[in-house]
Amino acid sequence: MTKAHRLATRKPKLPVKTLPLNFLLGCAQSELGNFELSRLDEMAHLRSVLHTILDRLIDQIAQVALASWFKALDRQTLMHAIENEESPVE
């Protein structure tokens, strides 16, 4: 396996943010409130990104399942049944 291949297939690492304990211990109440609001904003943004990714993932899973179903199905019979629709009475 080449280095280029390993780099291309490597899982991306998320940056880890450390909690600024010295800041939290020494800041004023208003600064704590601002810090909390900024973290809540970041959390809302990440949740939005996660929902977008989950929607795409679910869509891809559905497409894979549909392709798998079509592979296992006799497509000629299905096409014939669609083209020659029977009435409910029949």
PDB file of N, CA and C in Angstrom:
ATOM      1  N   MET A   1       0.841  -1.168   0.000  1.00  0.00           N
ATOM      2  CA  MET A   1       0.000   0.000   0.000  1.00  0.00           C
ATOM      3  C   MET A   1       0.898   1.246   0.000  1.00  0.00           C
ATOM      4  N   THR A   2       0.631   2.151  -0.907  1.00  0.00           N
ATOM      5  CA  THR A   2       1.473   3.337  -1.021  1.00  0.00           C
ATOM      6  C   THR A   2       1.082   4.379   0.016  1.00  0.00           C
ATOM      7  N   LYS A   3       2.001   5.301   0.256  1.00  0.00           N
ATOM      8  CA  LYS A   3       1.738   6.373   1.207  1.00  0.00           C
ATOM      9  C   LYS A   3       0.577   7.246   0.717  1.00  0.00           C
ATOM     10  N   ALA A   4       0.525   7.495  -0.580  1.00  0.00           N
ATOM     11  CA  ALA A   4      -0.562   8.305  -1.143  1.00  0.00           C
ATOM     12  C   ALA A   4      -1.915   7.643  -0.909  1.00  0.00           C
ATOM     13  N   HIS A   5      -1.955   6.316  -1.057  1.00  0.00           N
ATOM     14  CA  HIS A   5      -3.209   5.590  -0.827  1.00  0.00           C
ATOM     15  C   HIS A   5      -3.614   5.675   0.637  1.00  0.00           C
ATOM     16  N   ARG A   6      -2.646   5.510   1.536  1.00  0.00           N
ATOM     17  CA  ARG A   6      -2.952   5.595   2.974  1.00  0.00           C
ATOM     18  C   ARG A   6      -3.475   6.970   3.331  1.00  0.00           C
ATOM     19  N   LEU A   7      -2.859   8.014   2.764  1.00  0.00           N
ATOM     20  CA  LEU A   7      -3.306   9.367   3.046  1.00  0.00           C
ATOM     21  C   LEU A   7      -4.697   9.625   2.479  1.00  0.00           C
ATOM     22  N   ALA A   8      -4.973   9.060   1.315  1.00  0.00           N
ATOM     23  CA  ALA A   8      -6.271   9.272   0.682  1.00  0.00           C
ATOM     24  C   ALA A   8      -7.390   8.541   1.409  1.00  0.00           C
ATOM     25  N   THR A   9      -7.075   7.407   2.043  1.00  0.00           N
ATOM     26  CA  THR A   9      -8.108   6.609   2.690  1.00  0.00           C
ATOM     27  C   THR A   9      -8.152   6.800   4.200  1.00  0.00           C
ATOM     28  N   ARG A  10      -7.308   7.656   4.727  1.00  0.00           N
ATOM     29  CA  ARG A  10      -7.259   7.881   6.173  1.00  0.00           C
ATOM     30  C   ARG A  10      -8.537   8.572   6.644  1.00  0.00           C
ATOM     31  N   LYS A  11      -9.022   8.137   7.787  1.00  0.00           N
ATOM     32  CA  LYS A  11     -10.195   8.763   8.370  1.00  0.00           C
ATOM     33  C   LYS A  11      -9.819  10.148   8.893  1.00  0.00           C
ATOM     34  N   PRO A  12     -10.635  11.148   8.596  1.00  0.00           N
ATOM     35  CA  PRO A  12     -10.300  12.485   9.094  1.00  0.00           C
ATOM     36  C   PRO A  12     -10.446  12.547  10.611  1.00  0.00           C
ATOM     37  N   LYS A  13      -9.524  13.253  11.234  1.00  0.00           N
ATOM     38  CA  LYS A  13      -9.581  13.413  12.683  1.00  0.00           C
ATOM     39  C   LYS A  13     -10.224  14.745  13.007  1.00  0.00           C
ATOM     40  N   LEU A  14     -11.141  14.725  13.949  1.00  0.00           N
ATOM     41  CA  LEU A  14     -11.773  15.954  14.387  1.00  0.00           C
ATOM     42  C   LEU A  14     -10.865  16.662  15.377  1.00  0.00           C
ATOM     43  N   PRO A  15     -10.787  17.977  15.271  1.00  0.00           N
ATOM     44  CA  PRO A  15      -9.949  18.690  16.233  1.00  0.00           C
ATOM     45  C   PRO A  15     -10.551  18.612  17.630  1.00  0.00           C
ATOM     46  N   VAL A  16      -9.685  18.433  18.617  1.00  0.00           N
ATOM     47  CA  VAL A  16     -10.128  18.347  20.002  1.00  0.00           C
ATOM     48  C   VAL A  16      -9.862  19.688  20.666  1.00  0.00           C
ATOM     49  N   LYS A  17     -10.915  20.289  21.181  1.00  0.00           N
ATOM     50  CA  LYS A  17     -10.766  21.573  21.859  1.00  0.00           C
ATOM     51  C   LYS A  17     -10.708  21.317  23.356  1.00  0.00           C
ATOM     52  N   THR A  18      -9.714  21.879  23.985  1.00  0.00           N
ATOM     53  CA  THR A  18      -9.587  21.711  25.425  1.00  0.00           C
ATOM     54  C   THR A  18     -10.397  22.780  26.139  1.00  0.00           C
ATOM     55  N   LEU A  19     -10.902  22.430  27.274  1.00  0.00           N
ATOM     56  CA  LEU A  19     -11.706  23.343  28.074  1.00  0.00           C
ATOM     57  C   LEU A  19     -10.778  24.338  28.775  1.00  0.00           C
ATOM     58  N   PRO A  20     -11.021  25.635  28.611  1.00  0.00           N
ATOM     59  CA  PRO A  20     -10.140  26.645  29.208  1.00  0.00           C
ATOM     60  C   PRO A  20     -10.453  26.854  30.688  1.00  0.00           C
ATOM     61  N   LEU A  21      -9.995  25.934  31.532  1.00  0.00           N
ATOM     62  CA  LEU A  21     -10.334  25.995  32.960  1.00  0.00           C
ATOM     63  C   LEU A  21      -9.858  27.278  33.629  1.00  0.00           C
ATOM     64  N   ASN A  22      -8.645  27.737  33.307  1.00  0.00           N
ATOM     65  CA  ASN A  22      -8.163  28.977  33.914  1.00  0.00           C
ATOM     66  C   ASN A  22      -9.068  30.146  33.573  1.00  0.00           C
ATOM     67  N   PHE A  23      -9.515  30.198  32.338  1.00  0.00           N
ATOM     68  CA  PHE A  23     -10.442  31.255  31.932  1.00  0.00           C
ATOM     69  C   PHE A  23     -11.746  31.157  32.709  1.00  0.00           C
ATOM     70  N   LEU A  24     -12.293  29.937  32.790  1.00  0.00           N
ATOM     71  CA  LEU A  24     -13.580  29.748  33.463  1.00  0.00           C
ATOM     72  C   LEU A  24     -13.499  30.073  34.953  1.00  0.00           C
ATOM     73  N   LEU A  25     -12.374  29.776  35.572  1.00  0.00           N
ATOM     74  CA  LEU A  25     -12.215  30.058  36.994  1.00  0.00           C
ATOM     75  C   LEU A  25     -12.050  31.553  37.277  1.00  0.00           C
ATOM     76  N   GLY A  26     -11.428  32.284  36.364  1.00  0.00           N
ATOM     77  CA  GLY A  26     -11.099  33.666  36.655  1.00  0.00           C
ATOM     78  C   GLY A  26     -11.962  34.715  35.986  1.00  0.00           C
ATOM     79  N   CYS A  27     -12.937  34.326  35.188  1.00  0.00           N
ATOM     80  CA  CYS A  27     -13.711  35.332  34.460  1.00  0.00           C
ATOM     81  C   CYS A  27     -14.962  35.751  35.224  1.00  0.00           C
ATOM     82  N   ALA A  28     -15.542  36.837  34.759  1.00  0.00           N
ATOM     83  CA  ALA A  28     -16.758  37.379  35.383  1.00  0.00           C
ATOM     84  C   ALA A  28     -17.977  36.588  34.926  1.00  0.00           C
ATOM     85  N   GLN A  29     -19.091  36.813  35.625  1.00  0.00           N
ATOM     86  CA  GLN A  29     -20.341  36.118  35.299  1.00  0.00           C
ATOM     87  C   GLN A  29     -20.769  36.401  33.867  1.00  0.00           C
ATOM     88  N   SER A  30     -20.632  37.645  33.429  1.00  0.00           N
ATOM     89  CA  SER A  30     -21.051  37.987  32.062  1.00  0.00           C
ATOM     90  C   SER A  30     -20.203  37.244  31.031  1.00  0.00           C
ATOM     91  N   GLU A  31     -18.909  37.105  31.311  1.00  0.00           N
ATOM     92  CA  GLU A  31     -18.039  36.354  30.399  1.00  0.00           C
ATOM     93  C   GLU A  31     -18.408  34.874  30.381  1.00  0.00           C
ATOM     94  N   LEU A  32     -18.794  34.339  31.544  1.00  0.00           N
ATOM     95  CA  LEU A  32     -19.259  32.941  31.584  1.00  0.00           C
ATOM     96  C   LEU A  32     -20.528  32.781  30.749  1.00  0.00           C
ATOM     97  N   GLY A  33     -21.413  33.757  30.856  1.00  0.00           N
ATOM     98  CA  GLY A  33     -22.639  33.716  30.058  1.00  0.00           C
ATOM     99  C   GLY A  33     -22.337  33.756  28.569  1.00  0.00           C
ATOM    100  N   ASN A  34     -21.405  34.632  28.181  1.00  0.00           N
ATOM    101  CA  ASN A  34     -21.017  34.718  26.766  1.00  0.00           C
ATOM    102  C   ASN A  34     -20.366  33.422  26.295  1.00  0.00           C
ATOM    103  N   PHE A  35     -19.526  32.834  27.144  1.00  0.00           N
ATOM    104  CA  PHE A  35     -18.885  31.565  26.804  1.00  0.00           C
ATOM    105  C   PHE A  35     -19.942  30.475  26.618  1.00  0.00           C
ATOM    106  N   GLU A  36     -20.900  30.438  27.533  1.00  0.00           N
ATOM    107  CA  GLU A  36     -21.965  29.442  27.437  1.00  0.00           C
ATOM    108  C   GLU A  36     -22.766  29.615  26.147  1.00  0.00           C
ATOM    109  N   LEU A  37     -23.105  30.863  25.815  1.00  0.00           N
ATOM    110  CA  LEU A  37     -23.864  31.119  24.586  1.00  0.00           C
ATOM    111  C   LEU A  37     -23.066  30.730  23.341  1.00  0.00           C
ATOM    112  N   SER A  38     -21.770  30.995  23.361  1.00  0.00           N
ATOM    113  CA  SER A  38     -20.966  30.617  22.200  1.00  0.00           C
ATOM    114  C   SER A  38     -20.886  29.099  22.049  1.00  0.00           C
ATOM    115  N   ARG A  39     -20.814  28.384  23.158  1.00  0.00           N
ATOM    116  CA  ARG A  39     -20.800  26.911  23.090  1.00  0.00           C
ATOM    117  C   ARG A  39     -22.151  26.386  22.620  1.00  0.00           C
ATOM    118  N   LEU A  40     -23.239  27.010  23.074  1.00  0.00           N
ATOM    119  CA  LEU A  40     -24.569  26.591  22.616  1.00  0.00           C
ATOM    120  C   LEU A  40     -24.733  26.843  21.123  1.00  0.00           C
ATOM    121  N   ASP A  41     -24.189  27.966  20.635  1.00  0.00           N
ATOM    122  CA  ASP A  41     -24.244  28.264  19.207  1.00  0.00           C
ATOM    123  C   ASP A  41     -23.461  27.228  18.414  1.00  0.00           C
ATOM    124  N   GLU A  42     -22.276  26.894  18.892  1.00  0.00           N
ATOM    125  CA  GLU A  42     -21.461  25.871  18.225  1.00  0.00           C
ATOM    126  C   GLU A  42     -22.181  24.524  18.234  1.00  0.00           C
ATOM    127  N   MET A  43     -22.821  24.199  19.337  1.00  0.00           N
ATOM    128  CA  MET A  43     -23.558  22.944  19.448  1.00  0.00           C
ATOM    129  C   MET A  43     -24.715  22.909  18.440  1.00  0.00           C
ATOM    130  N   ALA A  44     -25.433  24.013  18.307  1.00  0.00           N
ATOM    131  CA  ALA A  44     -26.538  24.069  17.349  1.00  0.00           C
ATOM    132  C   ALA A  44     -26.026  23.904  15.918  1.00  0.00           C
ATOM    133  N   HIS A  45     -24.895  24.527  15.624  1.00  0.00           N
ATOM    134  CA  HIS A  45     -24.312  24.394  14.293  1.00  0.00           C
ATOM    135  C   HIS A  45     -23.912  22.940  14.017  1.00  0.00           C
ATOM    136  N   LEU A  46     -23.240  22.324  14.979  1.00  0.00           N
ATOM    137  CA  LEU A  46     -22.830  20.924  14.806  1.00  0.00           C
ATOM    138  C   LEU A  46     -24.030  20.002  14.660  1.00  0.00           C
ATOM    139  N   ARG A  47     -25.094  20.276  15.401  1.00  0.00           N
ATOM    140  CA  ARG A  47     -26.312  19.466  15.289  1.00  0.00           C
ATOM    141  C   ARG A  47     -26.898  19.598  13.888  1.00  0.00           C
ATOM    142  N   SER A  48     -26.871  20.806  13.335  1.00  0.00           N
ATOM    143  CA  SER A  48     -27.361  21.025  11.981  1.00  0.00           C
ATOM    144  C   SER A  48     -26.536  20.245  10.962  1.00  0.00           C
ATOM    145  N   VAL A  49     -25.217  20.283  11.117  1.00  0.00           N
ATOM    146  CA  VAL A  49     -24.335  19.533  10.225  1.00  0.00           C
ATOM    147  C   VAL A  49     -24.598  18.034  10.364  1.00  0.00           C
ATOM    148  N   LEU A  50     -24.765  17.581  11.580  1.00  0.00           N
ATOM    149  CA  LEU A  50     -25.028  16.164  11.822  1.00  0.00           C
ATOM    150  C   LEU A  50     -26.337  15.730  11.168  1.00  0.00           C
ATOM    151  N   HIS A  51     -27.368  16.549  11.270  1.00  0.00           N
ATOM    152  CA  HIS A  51     -28.647  16.207  10.645  1.00  0.00           C
ATOM    153  C   HIS A  51     -28.500  16.116   9.124  1.00  0.00           C
ATOM    154  N   THR A  52     -27.731  17.025   8.537  1.00  0.00           N
ATOM    155  CA  THR A  52     -27.502  16.987   7.094  1.00  0.00           C
ATOM    156  C   THR A  52     -26.786  15.701   6.706  1.00  0.00           C
ATOM    157  N   ILE A  53     -25.768  15.347   7.464  1.00  0.00           N
ATOM    158  CA  ILE A  53     -25.010  14.120   7.172  1.00  0.00           C
ATOM    159  C   ILE A  53     -25.889  12.889   7.372  1.00  0.00           C
ATOM    160  N   LEU A  54     -26.681  12.871   8.431  1.00  0.00           N
ATOM    161  CA  LEU A  54     -27.560  11.721   8.664  1.00  0.00           C
ATOM    162  C   LEU A  54     -28.593  11.585   7.552  1.00  0.00           C
ATOM    163  N   ASP A  55     -29.141  12.705   7.077  1.00  0.00           N
ATOM    164  CA  ASP A  55     -30.088  12.647   5.961  1.00  0.00           C
ATOM    165  C   ASP A  55     -29.429  12.046   4.723  1.00  0.00           C
ATOM    166  N   ARG A  56     -28.200  12.470   4.437  1.00  0.00           N
ATOM    167  CA  ARG A  56     -27.483  11.920   3.283  1.00  0.00           C
ATOM    168  C   ARG A  56     -27.189  10.439   3.476  1.00  0.00           C
ATOM    169  N   LEU A  57     -26.799  10.055   4.702  1.00  0.00           N
ATOM    170  CA  LEU A  57     -26.503   8.660   5.001  1.00  0.00           C
ATOM    171  C   LEU A  57     -27.746   7.791   4.827  1.00  0.00           C
ATOM    172  N   ILE A  58     -28.868   8.245   5.345  1.00  0.00           N
ATOM    173  CA  ILE A  58     -30.119   7.485   5.221  1.00  0.00           C
ATOM    174  C   ILE A  58     -30.519   7.353   3.761  1.00  0.00           C
ATOM    175  N   ASP A  59     -30.339   8.427   2.983  1.00  0.00           N
ATOM    176  CA  ASP A  59     -30.646   8.375   1.551  1.00  0.00           C
ATOM    177  C   ASP A  59     -29.763   7.352   0.849  1.00  0.00           C
ATOM    178  N   GLN A  60     -28.475   7.328   1.178  1.00  0.00           N
ATOM    179  CA  GLN A  60     -27.559   6.369   0.561  1.00  0.00           C
ATOM    180  C   GLN A  60     -27.916   4.936   0.955  1.00  0.00           C
ATOM    181  N   ILE A  61     -28.281   4.726   2.201  1.00  0.00           N
ATOM    182  CA  ILE A  61     -28.674   3.388   2.665  1.00  0.00           C
ATOM    183  C   ILE A  61     -29.910   2.918   1.907  1.00  0.00           C
ATOM    184  N   ALA A  62     -30.874   3.829   1.705  1.00  0.00           N
ATOM    185  CA  ALA A  62     -32.084   3.471   0.964  1.00  0.00           C
ATOM    186  C   ALA A  62     -31.754   3.111  -0.481  1.00  0.00           C
ATOM    187  N   GLN A  63     -30.840   3.859  -1.102  1.00  0.00           N
ATOM    188  CA  GLN A  63     -30.459   3.558  -2.483  1.00  0.00           C
ATOM    189  C   GLN A  63     -29.735   2.216  -2.582  1.00  0.00           C
ATOM    190  N   VAL A  64     -28.895   1.910  -1.608  1.00  0.00           N
ATOM    191  CA  VAL A  64     -28.207   0.611  -1.582  1.00  0.00           C
ATOM    192  C   VAL A  64     -29.229  -0.516  -1.426  1.00  0.00           C
ATOM    193  N   ALA A  65     -30.189  -0.333  -0.527  1.00  0.00           N
ATOM    194  CA  ALA A  65     -31.210  -1.367  -0.318  1.00  0.00           C
ATOM    195  C   ALA A  65     -32.047  -1.565  -1.575  1.00  0.00           C
ATOM    196  N   LEU A  66     -32.377  -0.466  -2.250  1.00  0.00           N
ATOM    197  CA  LEU A  66     -33.159  -0.572  -3.478  1.00  0.00           C
ATOM    198  C   LEU A  66     -32.371  -1.295  -4.573  1.00  0.00           C
ATOM    199  N   ALA A  67     -31.094  -0.965  -4.709  1.00  0.00           N
ATOM    200  CA  ALA A  67     -30.256  -1.642  -5.703  1.00  0.00           C
ATOM    201  C   ALA A  67     -30.125  -3.131  -5.372  1.00  0.00           C
ATOM    202  N   SER A  68     -29.974  -3.442  -4.098  1.00  0.00           N
ATOM    203  CA  SER A  68     -29.872  -4.834  -3.678  1.00  0.00           C
ATOM    204  C   SER A  68     -31.167  -5.585  -3.982  1.00  0.00           C
ATOM    205  N   TRP A  69     -32.298  -4.925  -3.742  1.00  0.00           N
ATOM    206  CA  TRP A  69     -33.587  -5.544  -4.015  1.00  0.00           C
ATOM    207  C   TRP A  69     -33.732  -5.800  -5.514  1.00  0.00           C
ATOM    208  N   PHE A  70     -33.333  -4.815  -6.342  1.00  0.00           N
ATOM    209  CA  PHE A  70     -33.425  -5.001  -7.792  1.00  0.00           C
ATOM    210  C   PHE A  70     -32.494  -6.103  -8.277  1.00  0.00           C
ATOM    211  N   LYS A  71     -31.335  -6.273  -7.629  1.00  0.00           N
ATOM    212  CA  LYS A  71     -30.437  -7.360  -8.012  1.00  0.00           C
ATOM    213  C   LYS A  71     -31.075  -8.715  -7.746  1.00  0.00           C
ATOM    214  N   ALA A  72     -31.824  -8.835  -6.660  1.00  0.00           N
ATOM    215  CA  ALA A  72     -32.415 -10.111  -6.282  1.00  0.00           C
ATOM    216  C   ALA A  72     -33.747 -10.369  -6.999  1.00  0.00           C
ATOM    217  N   LEU A  73     -34.258  -9.368  -7.660  1.00  0.00           N
ATOM    218  CA  LEU A  73     -35.581  -9.438  -8.270  1.00  0.00           C
ATOM    219  C   LEU A  73     -35.473  -9.860  -9.733  1.00  0.00           C
ATOM    220  N   ASP A  74     -36.504 -10.516 -10.209  1.00  0.00           N
ATOM    221  CA  ASP A  74     -36.612 -10.797 -11.638  1.00  0.00           C
ATOM    222  C   ASP A  74     -37.187  -9.536 -12.282  1.00  0.00           C
ATOM    223  N   ARG A  75     -36.314  -8.699 -12.825  1.00  0.00           N
ATOM    224  CA  ARG A  75     -36.738  -7.389 -13.328  1.00  0.00           C
ATOM    225  C   ARG A  75     -37.640  -7.498 -14.546  1.00  0.00           C
ATOM    226  N   GLN A  76     -37.464  -8.532 -15.343  1.00  0.00           N
ATOM    227  CA  GLN A  76     -38.329  -8.702 -16.515  1.00  0.00           C
ATOM    228  C   GLN A  76     -39.775  -8.933 -16.081  1.00  0.00           C
ATOM    229  N   THR A  77     -39.971  -9.749 -15.050  1.00  0.00           N
ATOM    230  CA  THR A  77     -41.313 -10.009 -14.542  1.00  0.00           C
ATOM    231  C   THR A  77     -41.920  -8.731 -13.974  1.00  0.00           C
ATOM    232  N   LEU A  78     -41.127  -7.953 -13.251  1.00  0.00           N
ATOM    233  CA  LEU A  78     -41.619  -6.696 -12.685  1.00  0.00           C
ATOM    234  C   LEU A  78     -42.011  -5.727 -13.792  1.00  0.00           C
ATOM    235  N   MET A  79     -41.158  -5.605 -14.815  1.00  0.00           N
ATOM    236  CA  MET A  79     -41.484  -4.703 -15.921  1.00  0.00           C
ATOM    237  C   MET A  79     -42.752  -5.149 -16.631  1.00  0.00           C
ATOM    238  N   HIS A  80     -42.926  -6.445 -16.789  1.00  0.00           N
ATOM    239  CA  HIS A  80     -44.138  -6.973 -17.420  1.00  0.00           C
ATOM    240  C   HIS A  80     -45.370  -6.655 -16.563  1.00  0.00           C
ATOM    241  N   ALA A  81     -45.250  -6.802 -15.256  1.00  0.00           N
ATOM    242  CA  ALA A  81     -46.377  -6.525 -14.378  1.00  0.00           C
ATOM    243  C   ALA A  81     -46.731  -5.038 -14.383  1.00  0.00           C
ATOM    244  N   ILE A  82     -45.738  -4.163 -14.478  1.00  0.00           N
ATOM    245  CA  ILE A  82     -45.998  -2.724 -14.535  1.00  0.00           C
ATOM    246  C   ILE A  82     -46.650  -2.343 -15.843  1.00  0.00           C
ATOM    247  N   GLU A  83     -46.179  -2.911 -16.938  1.00  0.00           N
ATOM    248  CA  GLU A  83     -46.718  -2.586 -18.251  1.00  0.00           C
ATOM    249  C   GLU A  83     -48.119  -3.154 -18.462  1.00  0.00           C
ATOM    250  N   ASN A  84     -48.444  -4.254 -17.809  1.00  0.00           N
ATOM    251  CA  ASN A  84     -49.741  -4.912 -17.957  1.00  0.00           C
ATOM    252  C   ASN A  84     -50.498  -4.882 -16.636  1.00  0.00           C
ATOM    253  N   GLU A  85     -50.821  -3.699 -16.195  1.00  0.00           N
ATOM    254  CA  GLU A  85     -51.462  -3.531 -14.908  1.00  0.00           C
ATOM    255  C   GLU A  85     -52.836  -4.210 -14.896  1.00  0.00           C
ATOM    256  N   GLU A  86     -53.071  -4.974 -13.840  1.00  0.00           N
ATOM    257  CA  GLU A  86     -54.361  -5.665 -13.695  1.00  0.00           C
ATOM    258  C   GLU A  86     -55.323  -4.766 -12.935  1.00  0.00           C
ATOM    259  N   SER A  87     -56.595  -4.921 -13.229  1.00  0.00           N
ATOM    260  CA  SER A  87     -57.595  -4.146 -12.495  1.00  0.00           C
ATOM    261  C   SER A  87     -57.858  -4.823 -11.154  1.00  0.00           C
ATOM    262  N   PRO A  88     -58.345  -4.096 -10.150  1.00  0.00           N
ATOM    263  CA  PRO A  88     -58.616  -4.691  -8.846  1.00  0.00           C
ATOM    264  C   PRO A  88     -59.628  -5.836  -8.906  1.00  0.00           C
ATOM    265  N   VAL A  89     -60.502  -5.831  -9.884  1.00  0.00           N
ATOM    266  CA  VAL A  89     -61.515  -6.870 -10.007  1.00  0.00           C
ATOM    267  C   VAL A  89     -60.850  -8.189 -10.407  1.00  0.00           C
ATOM    268  N   GLU A  90     -59.804  -8.088 -11.238  1.00  0.00           N
ATOM    269  CA  GLU A  90     -59.129  -9.302 -11.701  1.00  0.00           C
ATOM    270  C   GLU A  90     -58.331  -9.864 -10.574  1.00  0.00           C
TER     271      GLU A  90
END
